[in-house]
PDB file of N, CA and C in Angstrom:
ATOM      1  N   UNK A   1      10.226 -11.007  18.302  1.00  0.00           N
ATOM      2  CA  UNK A   1       9.743 -10.615  16.983  1.00  0.00           C
ATOM      3  C   UNK A   1       9.649 -11.856  16.105  1.00  0.00           C
ATOM      4  N   UNK A   2       8.491 -12.017  15.459  1.00  0.00           N
ATOM      5  CA  UNK A   2       8.249 -13.188  14.613  1.00  0.00           C
ATOM      6  C   UNK A   2       7.943 -12.844  13.167  1.00  0.00           C
ATOM      7  N   UNK A   3       7.383 -11.646  12.929  1.00  0.00           N
ATOM      8  CA  UNK A   3       6.885 -11.278  11.600  1.00  0.00           C
ATOM      9  C   UNK A   3       7.636 -10.053  11.091  1.00  0.00           C
ATOM     10  N   UNK A   4       8.588 -10.280  10.194  1.00  0.00           N
ATOM     11  CA  UNK A   4       9.439  -9.224   9.655  1.00  0.00           C
ATOM     12  C   UNK A   4       8.884  -8.729   8.324  1.00  0.00           C
ATOM     13  N   UNK A   5       8.578  -7.437   8.226  1.00  0.00           N
ATOM     14  CA  UNK A   5       8.148  -6.864   6.946  1.00  0.00           C
ATOM     15  C   UNK A   5       9.385  -6.750   6.065  1.00  0.00           C
ATOM     16  N   UNK A   6       9.361  -7.415   4.928  1.00  0.00           N
ATOM     17  CA  UNK A   6      10.509  -7.374   4.021  1.00  0.00           C
ATOM     18  C   UNK A   6      10.336  -6.330   2.924  1.00  0.00           C
ATOM     19  N   UNK A   7       9.065  -5.954   2.644  1.00  0.00           N
ATOM     20  CA  UNK A   7       8.847  -5.007   1.542  1.00  0.00           C
ATOM     21  C   UNK A   7       7.417  -4.475   1.598  1.00  0.00           C
ATOM     22  N   UNK A   8       7.271  -3.196   1.261  1.00  0.00           N
ATOM     23  CA  UNK A   8       5.957  -2.586   1.026  1.00  0.00           C
ATOM     24  C   UNK A   8       5.980  -2.081  -0.402  1.00  0.00           C
ATOM     25  N   UNK A   9       5.139  -2.671  -1.241  1.00  0.00           N
ATOM     26  CA  UNK A   9       5.064  -2.267  -2.650  1.00  0.00           C
ATOM     27  C   UNK A   9       3.781  -1.497  -2.903  1.00  0.00           C
ATOM     28  N   UNK A  10       3.943  -0.334  -3.535  1.00  0.00           N
ATOM     29  CA  UNK A  10       2.821   0.520  -3.911  1.00  0.00           C
ATOM     30  C   UNK A  10       3.355   1.466  -4.979  1.00  0.00           C
ATOM     31  N   UNK A  11       2.469   2.059  -5.779  1.00  0.00           N
ATOM     32  CA  UNK A  11       2.962   3.001  -6.791  1.00  0.00           C
ATOM     33  C   UNK A  11       3.599   4.214  -6.119  1.00  0.00           C
ATOM     34  N   UNK A  12       4.541   4.833  -6.790  1.00  0.00           N
ATOM     35  CA  UNK A  12       5.172   6.033  -6.235  1.00  0.00           C
ATOM     36  C   UNK A  12       4.266   7.250  -6.381  1.00  0.00           C
ATOM     37  N   UNK A  13       3.290   7.155  -7.309  1.00  0.00           N
ATOM     38  CA  UNK A  13       2.308   8.229  -7.458  1.00  0.00           C
ATOM     39  C   UNK A  13       1.021   7.651  -8.018  1.00  0.00           C
ATOM     40  N   UNK A  14      -0.076   8.371  -7.775  1.00  0.00           N
ATOM     41  CA  UNK A  14      -1.390   7.963  -8.281  1.00  0.00           C
ATOM     42  C   UNK A  14      -2.288   9.191  -8.358  1.00  0.00           C
ATOM     43  N   UNK A  15      -3.175   9.246  -9.361  1.00  0.00           N
ATOM     44  CA  UNK A  15      -4.116  10.369  -9.439  1.00  0.00           C
ATOM     45  C   UNK A  15      -5.225  10.233  -8.395  1.00  0.00           C
ATOM     46  N   UNK A  16      -5.809  11.333  -7.995  1.00  0.00           N
ATOM     47  CA  UNK A  16      -6.905  11.337  -7.020  1.00  0.00           C
ATOM     48  C   UNK A  16      -8.039  10.439  -7.497  1.00  0.00           C
ATOM     49  N   UNK A  17      -8.562   9.631  -6.600  1.00  0.00           N
ATOM     50  CA  UNK A  17      -9.680   8.747  -6.905  1.00  0.00           C
ATOM     51  C   UNK A  17      -9.284   7.388  -7.430  1.00  0.00           C
ATOM     52  N   UNK A  18      -8.027   7.225  -7.870  1.00  0.00           N
ATOM     53  CA  UNK A  18      -7.592   5.930  -8.394  1.00  0.00           C
ATOM     54  C   UNK A  18      -7.413   4.933  -7.256  1.00  0.00           C
ATOM     55  N   UNK A  19      -7.764   3.675  -7.539  1.00  0.00           N
ATOM     56  CA  UNK A  19      -7.574   2.616  -6.557  1.00  0.00           C
ATOM     57  C   UNK A  19      -6.080   2.306  -6.436  1.00  0.00           C
ATOM     58  N   UNK A  20      -5.552   2.395  -5.227  1.00  0.00           N
ATOM     59  CA  UNK A  20      -4.137   2.140  -4.961  1.00  0.00           C
ATOM     60  C   UNK A  20      -4.012   0.752  -4.322  1.00  0.00           C
ATOM     61  N   UNK A  21      -3.151  -0.075  -4.890  1.00  0.00           N
ATOM     62  CA  UNK A  21      -2.893  -1.409  -4.350  1.00  0.00           C
ATOM     63  C   UNK A  21      -1.596  -1.354  -3.550  1.00  0.00           C
ATOM     64  N   UNK A  22      -1.662  -1.838  -2.320  1.00  0.00           N
ATOM     65  CA  UNK A  22      -0.496  -1.887  -1.436  1.00  0.00           C
ATOM     66  C   UNK A  22      -0.251  -3.357  -1.079  1.00  0.00           C
ATOM     67  N   UNK A  23       0.920  -3.882  -1.448  1.00  0.00           N
ATOM     68  CA  UNK A  23       1.314  -5.248  -1.110  1.00  0.00           C
ATOM     69  C   UNK A  23       2.371  -5.203  -0.019  1.00  0.00           C
ATOM     70  N   UNK A  24       2.084  -5.851   1.105  1.00  0.00           N
ATOM     71  CA  UNK A  24       3.017  -5.909   2.226  1.00  0.00           C
ATOM     72  C   UNK A  24       3.525  -7.341   2.343  1.00  0.00           C
ATOM     73  N   UNK A  25       4.823  -7.533   2.122  1.00  0.00           N
ATOM     74  CA  UNK A  25       5.451  -8.851   2.231  1.00  0.00           C
ATOM     75  C   UNK A  25       5.971  -9.029   3.646  1.00  0.00           C
ATOM     76  N   UNK A  26       5.581 -10.162   4.268  1.00  0.00           N
ATOM     77  CA  UNK A  26       5.964 -10.426   5.652  1.00  0.00           C
ATOM     78  C   UNK A  26       6.559 -11.827   5.736  1.00  0.00           C
ATOM     79  N   UNK A  27       7.692 -11.936   6.410  1.00  0.00           N
ATOM     80  CA  UNK A  27       8.385 -13.216   6.571  1.00  0.00           C
ATOM     81  C   UNK A  27       8.288 -13.683   8.022  1.00  0.00           C
ATOM     82  N   UNK A  28       7.959 -14.963   8.200  1.00  0.00           N
ATOM     83  CA  UNK A  28       7.982 -15.575   9.527  1.00  0.00           C
ATOM     84  C   UNK A  28       9.437 -15.895   9.855  1.00  0.00           C
ATOM     85  N   UNK A  29      10.025 -15.154  10.774  1.00  0.00           N
ATOM     86  CA  UNK A  29      11.434 -15.361  11.114  1.00  0.00           C
ATOM     87  C   UNK A  29      11.604 -16.206  12.375  1.00  0.00           C
ATOM     88  N   UNK A  30      10.506 -16.775  12.877  1.00  0.00           N
ATOM     89  CA  UNK A  30      10.612 -17.647  14.049  1.00  0.00           C
ATOM     90  C   UNK A  30      10.872 -19.091  13.600  1.00  0.00           C
ATOM     91  N   UNK A  31      11.015 -19.987  14.560  1.00  0.00           N
ATOM     92  CA  UNK A  31      11.291 -21.394  14.253  1.00  0.00           C
ATOM     93  C   UNK A  31      10.025 -22.250  14.285  1.00  0.00           C
ATOM     94  N   UNK A  32       8.855 -21.605  14.460  1.00  0.00           N
ATOM     95  CA  UNK A  32       7.598 -22.347  14.488  1.00  0.00           C
ATOM     96  C   UNK A  32       6.541 -21.639  13.646  1.00  0.00           C
ATOM     97  N   UNK A  33       5.461 -22.360  13.334  1.00  0.00           N
ATOM     98  CA  UNK A  33       4.341 -21.745  12.619  1.00  0.00           C
ATOM     99  C   UNK A  33       3.806 -20.574  13.439  1.00  0.00           C
ATOM    100  N   UNK A  34       3.436 -19.494  12.737  1.00  0.00           N
ATOM    101  CA  UNK A  34       2.925 -18.300  13.413  1.00  0.00           C
ATOM    102  C   UNK A  34       1.693 -17.788  12.694  1.00  0.00           C
ATOM    103  N   UNK A  35       0.705 -17.336  13.486  1.00  0.00           N
ATOM    104  CA  UNK A  35      -0.383 -16.565  12.910  1.00  0.00           C
ATOM    105  C   UNK A  35       0.147 -15.140  12.760  1.00  0.00           C
ATOM    106  N   UNK A  36       0.069 -14.627  11.533  1.00  0.00           N
ATOM    107  CA  UNK A  36       0.595 -13.294  11.225  1.00  0.00           C
ATOM    108  C   UNK A  36      -0.522 -12.452  10.608  1.00  0.00           C
ATOM    109  N   UNK A  37      -0.548 -11.179  10.989  1.00  0.00           N
ATOM    110  CA  UNK A  37      -1.515 -10.218  10.451  1.00  0.00           C
ATOM    111  C   UNK A  37      -0.783  -8.948  10.043  1.00  0.00           C
ATOM    112  N   UNK A  38      -1.455  -8.149   9.223  1.00  0.00           N
ATOM    113  CA  UNK A  38      -0.929  -6.849   8.801  1.00  0.00           C
ATOM    114  C   UNK A  38      -2.041  -5.822   8.943  1.00  0.00           C
ATOM    115  N   UNK A  39      -1.675  -4.649   9.441  1.00  0.00           N
ATOM    116  CA  UNK A  39      -2.575  -3.495   9.435  1.00  0.00           C
ATOM    117  C   UNK A  39      -1.818  -2.342   8.786  1.00  0.00           C
ATOM    118  N   UNK A  40      -2.570  -1.379   8.274  1.00  0.00           N
ATOM    119  CA  UNK A  40      -1.921  -0.229   7.646  1.00  0.00           C
ATOM    120  C   UNK A  40      -2.861   0.962   7.626  1.00  0.00           C
ATOM    121  N   UNK A  41      -2.252   2.125   7.509  1.00  0.00           N
ATOM    122  CA  UNK A  41      -2.996   3.374   7.349  1.00  0.00           C
ATOM    123  C   UNK A  41      -2.312   4.200   6.267  1.00  0.00           C
ATOM    124  N   UNK A  42      -3.081   5.053   5.588  1.00  0.00           N
ATOM    125  CA  UNK A  42      -2.473   6.121   4.798  1.00  0.00           C
ATOM    126  C   UNK A  42      -2.819   7.381   5.570  1.00  0.00           C
ATOM    127  N   UNK A  43      -1.780   8.110   5.951  1.00  0.00           N
ATOM    128  CA  UNK A  43      -1.891   9.189   6.920  1.00  0.00           C
ATOM    129  C   UNK A  43      -2.559   8.595   8.174  1.00  0.00           C
ATOM    130  N   UNK A  44      -3.774   8.957   8.520  1.00  0.00           N
ATOM    131  CA  UNK A  44      -4.397   8.356   9.709  1.00  0.00           C
ATOM    132  C   UNK A  44      -5.628   7.518   9.360  1.00  0.00           C
ATOM    133  N   UNK A  45      -5.824   7.207   8.078  1.00  0.00           N
ATOM    134  CA  UNK A  45      -6.992   6.451   7.632  1.00  0.00           C
ATOM    135  C   UNK A  45      -6.614   4.992   7.390  1.00  0.00           C
ATOM    136  N   UNK A  46      -7.256   4.074   8.118  1.00  0.00           N
ATOM    137  CA  UNK A  46      -6.958   2.650   7.929  1.00  0.00           C
ATOM    138  C   UNK A  46      -7.630   2.143   6.660  1.00  0.00           C
ATOM    139  N   UNK A  47      -7.086   1.064   6.103  1.00  0.00           N
ATOM    140  CA  UNK A  47      -7.690   0.431   4.941  1.00  0.00           C
ATOM    141  C   UNK A  47      -7.567  -1.085   5.081  1.00  0.00           C
ATOM    142  N   UNK A  48      -8.486  -1.825   4.439  1.00  0.00           N
ATOM    143  CA  UNK A  48      -8.541  -3.272   4.649  1.00  0.00           C
ATOM    144  C   UNK A  48      -7.538  -4.053   3.790  1.00  0.00           C
ATOM    145  N   UNK A  49      -7.221  -5.242   4.278  1.00  0.00           N
ATOM    146  CA  UNK A  49      -6.413  -6.207   3.544  1.00  0.00           C
ATOM    147  C   UNK A  49      -7.270  -7.422   3.224  1.00  0.00           C
ATOM    148  N   UNK A  50      -6.854  -8.183   2.206  1.00  0.00           N
ATOM    149  CA  UNK A  50      -7.656  -9.317   1.760  1.00  0.00           C
ATOM    150  C   UNK A  50      -7.733 -10.422   2.809  1.00  0.00           C
ATOM    151  N   UNK A  51      -6.734 -10.533   3.689  1.00  0.00           N
ATOM    152  CA  UNK A  51      -6.754 -11.540   4.756  1.00  0.00           C
ATOM    153  C   UNK A  51      -6.675 -10.827   6.098  1.00  0.00           C
ATOM    154  N   UNK A  52      -7.441 -11.327   7.080  1.00  0.00           N
ATOM    155  CA  UNK A  52      -7.305 -10.804   8.437  1.00  0.00           C
ATOM    156  C   UNK A  52      -5.986 -11.277   9.040  1.00  0.00           C
ATOM    157  N   UNK A  53      -5.664 -12.552   8.803  1.00  0.00           N
ATOM    158  CA  UNK A  53      -4.411 -13.138   9.267  1.00  0.00           C
ATOM    159  C   UNK A  53      -4.161 -14.425   8.494  1.00  0.00           C
ATOM    160  N   UNK A  54      -2.923 -14.904   8.542  1.00  0.00           N
ATOM    161  CA  UNK A  54      -2.546 -16.155   7.876  1.00  0.00           C
ATOM    162  C   UNK A  54      -1.665 -16.972   8.812  1.00  0.00           C
ATOM    163  N   UNK A  55      -1.740 -18.299   8.703  1.00  0.00           N
ATOM    164  CA  UNK A  55      -0.820 -19.180   9.406  1.00  0.00           C
ATOM    165  C   UNK A  55       0.391 -19.366   8.497  1.00  0.00           C
ATOM    166  N   UNK A  56       1.564 -18.958   8.977  1.00  0.00           N
ATOM    167  CA  UNK A  56       2.765 -18.905   8.145  1.00  0.00           C
ATOM    168  C   UNK A  56       3.833 -19.825   8.729  1.00  0.00           C
ATOM    169  N   UNK A  57       4.420 -20.654   7.862  1.00  0.00           N
ATOM    170  CA  UNK A  57       5.476 -21.589   8.262  1.00  0.00           C
ATOM    171  C   UNK A  57       6.789 -20.842   8.508  1.00  0.00           C
ATOM    172  N   UNK A  58       7.696 -21.429   9.284  1.00  0.00           N
ATOM    173  CA  UNK A  58       8.998 -20.805   9.518  1.00  0.00           C
ATOM    174  C   UNK A  58       9.735 -20.532   8.203  1.00  0.00           C
ATOM    175  N   UNK A  59      10.261 -19.323   8.053  1.00  0.00           N
ATOM    176  CA  UNK A  59      11.010 -18.952   6.856  1.00  0.00           C
ATOM    177  C   UNK A  59      10.153 -18.562   5.665  1.00  0.00           C
ATOM    178  N   UNK A  60       8.852 -18.779   5.745  1.00  0.00           N
ATOM    179  CA  UNK A  60       7.951 -18.474   4.626  1.00  0.00           C
ATOM    180  C   UNK A  60       7.618 -16.978   4.605  1.00  0.00           C
ATOM    181  N   UNK A  61       7.528 -16.420   3.384  1.00  0.00           N
ATOM    182  CA  UNK A  61       7.103 -15.034   3.186  1.00  0.00           C
ATOM    183  C   UNK A  61       5.738 -15.040   2.517  1.00  0.00           C
ATOM    184  N   UNK A  62       4.816 -14.244   3.042  1.00  0.00           N
ATOM    185  CA  UNK A  62       3.471 -14.124   2.469  1.00  0.00           C
ATOM    186  C   UNK A  62       3.224 -12.659   2.129  1.00  0.00           C
ATOM    187  N   UNK A  63       2.281 -12.430   1.216  1.00  0.00           N
ATOM    188  CA  UNK A  63       1.950 -11.070   0.791  1.00  0.00           C
ATOM    189  C   UNK A  63       0.510 -10.770   1.185  1.00  0.00           C
ATOM    190  N   UNK A  64       0.336  -9.690   1.915  1.00  0.00           N
ATOM    191  CA  UNK A  64      -0.987  -9.173   2.257  1.00  0.00           C
ATOM    192  C   UNK A  64      -1.265  -8.018   1.310  1.00  0.00           C
ATOM    193  N   UNK A  65      -2.424  -8.046   0.634  1.00  0.00           N
ATOM    194  CA  UNK A  65      -2.789  -6.993  -0.328  1.00  0.00           C
ATOM    195  C   UNK A  65      -3.907  -6.140   0.236  1.00  0.00           C
ATOM    196  N   UNK A  66      -3.682  -4.821   0.249  1.00  0.00           N
ATOM    197  CA  UNK A  66      -4.680  -3.870   0.689  1.00  0.00           C
ATOM    198  C   UNK A  66      -4.985  -2.873  -0.413  1.00  0.00           C
ATOM    199  N   UNK A  67      -6.138  -2.202  -0.297  1.00  0.00           N
ATOM    200  CA  UNK A  67      -6.599  -1.260  -1.323  1.00  0.00           C
ATOM    201  C   UNK A  67      -7.189  -0.013  -0.676  1.00  0.00           C
ATOM    202  N   UNK A  68      -6.987   1.114  -1.333  1.00  0.00           N
ATOM    203  CA  UNK A  68      -7.679   2.336  -0.933  1.00  0.00           C
ATOM    204  C   UNK A  68      -7.761   3.268  -2.134  1.00  0.00           C
ATOM    205  N   UNK A  69      -8.686   4.230  -2.081  1.00  0.00           N
ATOM    206  CA  UNK A  69      -8.811   5.237  -3.135  1.00  0.00           C
ATOM    207  C   UNK A  69      -7.882   6.399  -2.797  1.00  0.00           C
ATOM    208  N   UNK A  70      -7.068   6.793  -3.773  1.00  0.00           N
ATOM    209  CA  UNK A  70      -6.100   7.871  -3.559  1.00  0.00           C
ATOM    210  C   UNK A  70      -6.832   9.172  -3.271  1.00  0.00           C
ATOM    211  N   UNK A  71      -6.507   9.823  -2.147  1.00  0.00           N
ATOM    212  CA  UNK A  71      -7.115  11.127  -1.869  1.00  0.00           C
ATOM    213  C   UNK A  71      -6.444  12.226  -2.697  1.00  0.00           C
ATOM    214  N   UNK A  72      -6.903  13.434  -2.542  1.00  0.00           N
ATOM    215  CA  UNK A  72      -6.384  14.570  -3.319  1.00  0.00           C
ATOM    216  C   UNK A  72      -5.169  15.208  -2.653  1.00  0.00           C
ATOM    217  N   UNK A  73      -4.248  14.359  -2.207  1.00  0.00           N
ATOM    218  CA  UNK A  73      -3.027  14.849  -1.561  1.00  0.00           C
ATOM    219  C   UNK A  73      -1.998  13.727  -1.518  1.00  0.00           C
ATOM    220  N   UNK A  74      -0.749  14.085  -1.278  1.00  0.00           N
ATOM    221  CA  UNK A  74       0.296  13.088  -1.065  1.00  0.00           C
ATOM    222  C   UNK A  74      -0.012  12.327   0.223  1.00  0.00           C
ATOM    223  N   UNK A  75       0.341  11.044   0.274  1.00  0.00           N
ATOM    224  CA  UNK A  75       0.093  10.266   1.480  1.00  0.00           C
ATOM    225  C   UNK A  75       1.330   9.451   1.862  1.00  0.00           C
ATOM    226  N   UNK A  76       1.384   9.101   3.114  1.00  0.00           N
ATOM    227  CA  UNK A  76       2.387   8.165   3.617  1.00  0.00           C
ATOM    228  C   UNK A  76       1.645   6.948   4.138  1.00  0.00           C
ATOM    229  N   UNK A  77       1.974   5.786   3.569  1.00  0.00           N
ATOM    230  CA  UNK A  77       1.396   4.530   4.029  1.00  0.00           C
ATOM    231  C   UNK A  77       2.323   3.969   5.105  1.00  0.00           C
ATOM    232  N   UNK A  78       1.757   3.622   6.257  1.00  0.00           N
ATOM    233  CA  UNK A  78       2.493   2.964   7.328  1.00  0.00           C
ATOM    234  C   UNK A  78       1.865   1.596   7.544  1.00  0.00           C
ATOM    235  N   UNK A  79       2.686   0.548   7.466  1.00  0.00           N
ATOM    236  CA  UNK A  79       2.210  -0.824   7.648  1.00  0.00           C
ATOM    237  C   UNK A  79       2.875  -1.431   8.881  1.00  0.00           C
ATOM    238  N   UNK A  80       2.112  -2.254   9.601  1.00  0.00           N
ATOM    239  CA  UNK A  80       2.619  -2.960  10.766  1.00  0.00           C
ATOM    240  C   UNK A  80       2.373  -4.454  10.593  1.00  0.00           C
ATOM    241  N   UNK A  81       3.307  -5.262  11.035  1.00  0.00           N
ATOM    242  CA  UNK A  81       3.086  -6.708  11.093  1.00  0.00           C
ATOM    243  C   UNK A  81       2.849  -7.096  12.548  1.00  0.00           C
ATOM    244  N   UNK A  82       2.049  -8.150  12.703  1.00  0.00           N
ATOM    245  CA  UNK A  82       1.654  -8.620  14.027  1.00  0.00           C
ATOM    246  C   UNK A  82       1.774 -10.142  14.067  1.00  0.00           C
ATOM    247  N   UNK A  83       2.066 -10.679  15.238  1.00  0.00           N
ATOM    248  CA  UNK A  83       2.023 -12.132  15.425  1.00  0.00           C
ATOM    249  C   UNK A  83       1.202 -12.436  16.676  1.00  0.00           C
ATOM    250  N   UNK A  84       0.584 -13.603  16.668  1.00  0.00           N
ATOM    251  CA  UNK A  84      -0.300 -14.032  17.760  1.00  0.00           C
ATOM    252  C   UNK A  84       0.516 -14.841  18.770  1.00  0.00           C
ATOM    253  N   UNK A  85       0.475 -14.442  20.039  1.00  0.00           N
ATOM    254  CA  UNK A  85       1.254 -15.159  21.051  1.00  0.00           C
ATOM    255  C   UNK A  85       0.417 -16.208  21.800  1.00  0.00           C
ATOM    256  N   UNK A  86      -0.798 -16.429  21.351  1.00  0.00           N
ATOM    257  CA  UNK A  86      -1.689 -17.394  22.001  1.00  0.00           C
ATOM    258  C   UNK A  86      -2.790 -16.726  22.792  1.00  0.00           C
ATOM    259  N   UNK A  87      -2.588 -15.450  23.155  1.00  0.00           N
ATOM    260  CA  UNK A  87      -3.629 -14.733  23.890  1.00  0.00           C
ATOM    261  C   UNK A  87      -3.849 -13.308  23.372  1.00  0.00           C
ATOM    262  N   UNK A  88      -2.838 -12.762  22.661  1.00  0.00           N
ATOM    263  CA  UNK A  88      -3.002 -11.398  22.122  1.00  0.00           C
ATOM    264  C   UNK A  88      -2.073 -11.203  20.928  1.00  0.00           C
ATOM    265  N   UNK A  89      -2.388 -10.176  20.122  1.00  0.00           N
ATOM    266  CA  UNK A  89      -1.553  -9.820  18.977  1.00  0.00           C
ATOM    267  C   UNK A  89      -0.403  -8.941  19.450  1.00  0.00           C
ATOM    268  N   UNK A  90       0.805  -9.282  19.007  1.00  0.00           N
ATOM    269  CA  UNK A  90       2.016  -8.544  19.356  1.00  0.00           C
ATOM    270  C   UNK A  90       2.530  -7.832  18.104  1.00  0.00           C
ATOM    271  N   UNK A  91       2.759  -6.509  18.211  1.00  0.00           N
ATOM    272  CA  UNK A  91       3.299  -5.766  17.072  1.00  0.00           C
ATOM    273  C   UNK A  91       4.767  -6.127  16.898  1.00  0.00           C
ATOM    274  N   UNK A  92       5.132  -6.514  15.652  1.00  0.00           N
ATOM    275  CA  UNK A  92       6.489  -6.969  15.382  1.00  0.00           C
ATOM    276  C   UNK A  92       7.328  -5.982  14.586  1.00  0.00           C
ATOM    277  N   UNK A  93       6.787  -5.422  13.519  1.00  0.00           N
ATOM    278  CA  UNK A  93       7.602  -4.618  12.615  1.00  0.00           C
ATOM    279  C   UNK A  93       6.754  -3.499  12.031  1.00  0.00           C
ATOM    280  N   UNK A  94       7.426  -2.519  11.434  1.00  0.00           N
ATOM    281  CA  UNK A  94       6.757  -1.371  10.819  1.00  0.00           C
ATOM    282  C   UNK A  94       7.577  -0.907   9.631  1.00  0.00           C
ATOM    283  N   UNK A  95       6.880  -0.449   8.570  1.00  0.00           N
ATOM    284  CA  UNK A  95       7.562   0.106   7.400  1.00  0.00           C
ATOM    285  C   UNK A  95       6.633   1.136   6.758  1.00  0.00           C
ATOM    286  N   UNK A  96       7.222   2.145   6.101  1.00  0.00           N
ATOM    287  CA  UNK A  96       6.434   3.188   5.444  1.00  0.00           C
ATOM    288  C   UNK A  96       6.744   3.250   3.950  1.00  0.00           C
ATOM    289  N   UNK A  97       5.812   3.840   3.223  1.00  0.00           N
ATOM    290  CA  UNK A  97       5.960   4.069   1.778  1.00  0.00           C
ATOM    291  C   UNK A  97       5.210   5.350   1.450  1.00  0.00           C
ATOM    292  N   UNK A  98       5.876   6.291   0.768  1.00  0.00           N
ATOM    293  CA  UNK A  98       5.239   7.541   0.360  1.00  0.00           C
ATOM    294  C   UNK A  98       4.652   7.404  -1.043  1.00  0.00           C
ATOM    295  N   UNK A  99       3.445   7.961  -1.216  1.00  0.00           N
ATOM    296  CA  UNK A  99       2.779   7.964  -2.516  1.00  0.00           C
ATOM    297  C   UNK A  99       2.390   9.402  -2.833  1.00  0.00           C
ATOM    298  N   UNK A 100       2.909   9.909  -3.944  1.00  0.00           N
ATOM    299  CA  UNK A 100       2.640  11.292  -4.349  1.00  0.00           C
ATOM    300  C   UNK A 100       1.354  11.361  -5.167  1.00  0.00           C
ATOM    301  N   UNK A 101       0.659  12.456  -5.024  1.00  0.00           N
ATOM    302  CA  UNK A 101      -0.517  12.707  -5.851  1.00  0.00           C
ATOM    303  C   UNK A 101      -0.040  13.023  -7.259  1.00  0.00           C
ATOM    304  N   UNK A 102      -0.513  12.267  -8.239  1.00  0.00           N
ATOM    305  CA  UNK A 102      -0.167  12.515  -9.639  1.00  0.00           C
ATOM    306  C   UNK A 102      -1.089  13.611 -10.165  1.00  0.00           C
ATOM    307  N   UNK A 103      -0.487  14.659 -10.643  1.00  0.00           N
ATOM    308  CA  UNK A 103      -1.256  15.780 -11.177  1.00  0.00           C
ATOM    309  C   UNK A 103      -1.409  15.566 -12.670  1.00  0.00           C
ATOM    310  N   UNK A 104      -2.645  15.500 -13.111  1.00  0.00           N
ATOM    311  CA  UNK A 104      -2.864  15.319 -14.543  1.00  0.00           C
ATOM    312  C   UNK A 104      -2.794  16.675 -15.240  1.00  0.00           C
ATOM    313  N   UNK A 105      -2.138  16.691 -16.379  1.00  0.00           N
ATOM    314  CA  UNK A 105      -2.017  17.926 -17.139  1.00  0.00           C
ATOM    315  C   UNK A 105      -3.021  17.891 -18.283  1.00  0.00           C
ATOM    316  N   UNK A 106      -3.753  18.975 -18.467  1.00  0.00           N
ATOM    317  CA  UNK A 106      -4.739  18.994 -19.543  1.00  0.00           C
ATOM    318  C   UNK A 106      -4.066  18.940 -20.913  1.00  0.00           C
ATOM    319  N   UNK A 107      -4.715  18.290 -21.838  1.00  0.00           N
ATOM    320  CA  UNK A 107      -4.200  18.206 -23.199  1.00  0.00           C
ATOM    321  C   UNK A 107      -4.465  19.528 -23.919  1.00  0.00           C
ATOM    322  N   UNK A 108      -3.466  20.029 -24.579  1.00  0.00           N
ATOM    323  CA  UNK A 108      -3.593  21.284 -25.317  1.00  0.00           C
ATOM    324  C   UNK A 108      -3.966  20.944 -26.759  1.00  0.00           C
ATOM    325  N   UNK A 109      -4.989  21.613 -27.234  1.00  0.00           N
ATOM    326  CA  UNK A 109      -5.437  21.364 -28.601  1.00  0.00           C
ATOM    327  C   UNK A 109      -4.415  21.899 -29.602  1.00  0.00           C
ATOM    328  N   UNK A 110      -4.255  21.180 -30.671  1.00  0.00           N
ATOM    329  CA  UNK A 110      -3.340  21.631 -31.724  1.00  0.00           C
ATOM    330  C   UNK A 110      -4.121  22.175 -32.918  1.00  0.00           C
ATOM    331  N   UNK A 111      -5.313  22.671 -32.675  1.00  0.00           N
ATOM    332  CA  UNK A 111      -6.134  23.261 -33.715  1.00  0.00           C
ATOM    333  C   UNK A 111      -5.445  24.524 -34.237  1.00  0.00           C
ATOM    334  N   UNK A 112      -5.330  24.600 -35.552  1.00  0.00           N
ATOM    335  CA  UNK A 112      -4.693  25.762 -36.163  1.00  0.00           C
ATOM    336  C   UNK A 112      -5.553  26.265 -37.318  1.00  0.00           C
ATOM    337  N   UNK A 113      -5.561  27.569 -37.501  1.00  0.00           N
ATOM    338  CA  UNK A 113      -6.212  28.156 -38.660  1.00  0.00           C
ATOM    339  C   UNK A 113      -5.115  28.367 -39.696  1.00  0.00           C
ATOM    340  N   UNK A 114      -5.188  27.605 -40.776  1.00  0.00           N
ATOM    341  CA  UNK A 114      -4.150  27.677 -41.792  1.00  0.00           C
ATOM    342  C   UNK A 114      -4.417  28.760 -42.833  1.00  0.00           C
ATOM    343  N   UNK A 115      -5.654  28.842 -43.266  1.00  0.00           N
ATOM    344  CA  UNK A 115      -6.008  29.849 -44.271  1.00  0.00           C
ATOM    345  C   UNK A 115      -7.095  30.729 -43.704  1.00  0.00           C
ATOM    346  N   UNK A 116      -6.861  31.998 -43.801  1.00  0.00           N
ATOM    347  CA  UNK A 116      -7.864  32.953 -43.312  1.00  0.00           C
ATOM    348  C   UNK A 116      -7.929  34.091 -44.313  1.00  0.00           C
ATOM    349  N   UNK A 117      -9.115  34.325 -44.779  1.00  0.00           N
ATOM    350  CA  UNK A 117      -9.269  35.473 -45.669  1.00  0.00           C
ATOM    351  C   UNK A 117     -10.352  36.361 -45.099  1.00  0.00           C
ATOM    352  N   UNK A 118     -10.038  37.637 -44.994  1.00  0.00           N
ATOM    353  CA  UNK A 118     -10.959  38.590 -44.417  1.00  0.00           C
ATOM    354  C   UNK A 118     -12.014  38.937 -45.470  1.00  0.00           C
ATOM    355  N   UNK A 119     -13.229  38.921 -45.100  1.00  0.00           N
ATOM    356  CA  UNK A 119     -14.312  39.214 -46.020  1.00  0.00           C
ATOM    357  C   UNK A 119     -14.826  40.604 -45.830  1.00  0.00           C
TER     358      UNK A 119
END
């Protein structure tokens, strides 16, 4: 294992249609430079990250940022870290984060009839 996920940051809730930002922090825990990548899904839908992969120095932590539009339901984001062994990508770590659908409540009007006279 070379790429340890140290944190998955995302909002705890979001309204449907809002852009959700997911930051996955990954640390190179090996003693040499490593090519590291991150993939993720919300439920079973994959979403892109700003970098396909990065060359990471030993002990260095990097942040991969991904985005998706919040669907009309609660979701679980699952992120995986990967390292390149010279011929193939090896899955190193996994972490999840739950995001609840934020339900917007309609604003209630405070319109009042103060004076009313029957004609």
